[in-house]
Amino acid sequence: MVRKMADTIQKRTKKVTKSGREVELLIPASSLEVLKTAVIFGADAVYIGGEAFGLRAKAKNFSMEDMAAGIQFAHERNVKVYVTANILAHNDDLAGAREYFQELKEIKPDALIISDPGMFTMAKEVCPEIDIHISTQANNTNYETYLFWERLGASRVVSARELSLAEIKEIRAHIPEKMEIESFIHGAMCISYSGRCLLSNYFTGRDANQGACTHPCRWKYSVVEETRPNEYMPVYENERGTYIFNSKDLCMIEHIPEVLDAGIDSLKIEGRMKTALYVATVARTYRKAIDDYLESEEKYRANMDWYHSEISKCTYRQFTTGFYFGKPDETTQIYDSNTYVNEYIYLGIVGDCSGNSVAGEQTGKVLARIQQRNKFSVGDEIEIMKPNGENTSVTVNAMYDEEGTAVEGAPHPKQVLYLELSEQPEQYDILRVQKR
């Protein structure tokens, strides 16, 4: 019988930088399935949103039951869970927010991520035993702001994306040792200051600061002259196109030493609307990069090609270092497209490996259960992506539906299938295939 990772709980051990500070890799999750993937593939902590009061209303988000299950799964493996409640609240939000904090008090997340002072005050009243982290939405650009929140009882502040590493290092020098700094190191960049965008509200009535952003920064624009309302003139940026607000994605995989030297405690990945494949790929790559560097800088430098190869296998928009080494210029924007680069297709997460009993008895094989996410067929060459960094090419020898009937392909989204592969996977492995 193949060993199943669920049978042996592998607890995450904390990593310590050369300066003696603990370093945390913080990964997003949009669902219970993705949370488990983040934990298995290397997260020290996971941040999630409930069905209200977070800034990703279009994400799947967590029911209270799934949130409790996710917290239990993570805590069994020594991984923390933070819950976002970082909307800029209006009067109508407050009564519901108080009830929400009462519910969170019962399931005991490790921290709440909050930006609004009113929400902060309420959370301190309702669940004072839960740490509060101040969201990047609060525009945290200087050490006096950090000290302000520290005096009110916050244990961590998320730096504004507009800060350089030099500025963050100066903040670290002016705040108490126990206070933690969290900063984004990978993912989508927002065109507006610290994410506080009004475009979505203006164009569609959906408020980005209430969790309903429609991402108008990715749209294509034209200019209309006031006296000629039906004449649309294209916007050109050196004749490269018209996507004038579309930023490249942040990627700091080459700069782990500088990030840690700045005194950042929590290295945060953006992406609470991403797939399990994205989360697994980014978590695994940054996990190895951080661990390699803490072992030796030589090992970290020697493995740089692997980091780049792996990080390019998840969706991205080209990469930039954002504000970390100075103000961004025209090279940090994408002018000719609003689409992602996507080199691999996500097929599913391996679940139970005991297999379908009917098909297993028929074939004498151990089968792997998946809920498929994209079409593939018997005979295809696919890849098993393992949490330890290994990628294994395998052949799909056979697949069966839930009735044990052999099928040639997987045409229906989220269809449950049982796979016989040329090499047996383990629970929580990711299946993917390179785009042709």
Foldseek 3Di string as FASTA:
>chain_A
DDDFCVVPQAADDWDAFPVGFTAFEEFEALFLLLLLLLLQQAGQEYEFEACFQALAVVGNGDHLVSVLVSQVSQVSRNHAYEYENAFQDDPVCPVVLLVVLLSCLVSDGQEYEYAYPVSVVSNCVRRVVHAYEYALLNAAQALVVVVVVVVVGHQEYEHWLQDALVRLLVSCVVDDPRRAYEYEQWWADFLDGSQQDCPQCVPPVAGSSRNGRPPPLLDFAFDADPVGRVDTHHDADPNQAGSVRAFFIGHCLVPPVSNVSSVHRYHYYDDNRDDSLLSSLVNNLVSVLNVQVSVPVVSNVVCVVVSVVSNLQAWTRDYDNRPHPHHDDPVRGRHHHSGTRHFKAFFFFWADQQFQPLLCVVVVDGWTKTQTADKDFQQDWKWWQRSNGDIDIKGFNWKAANVNHTDGMDDDHRGIMITDIPDRDHGGITIMHTDD
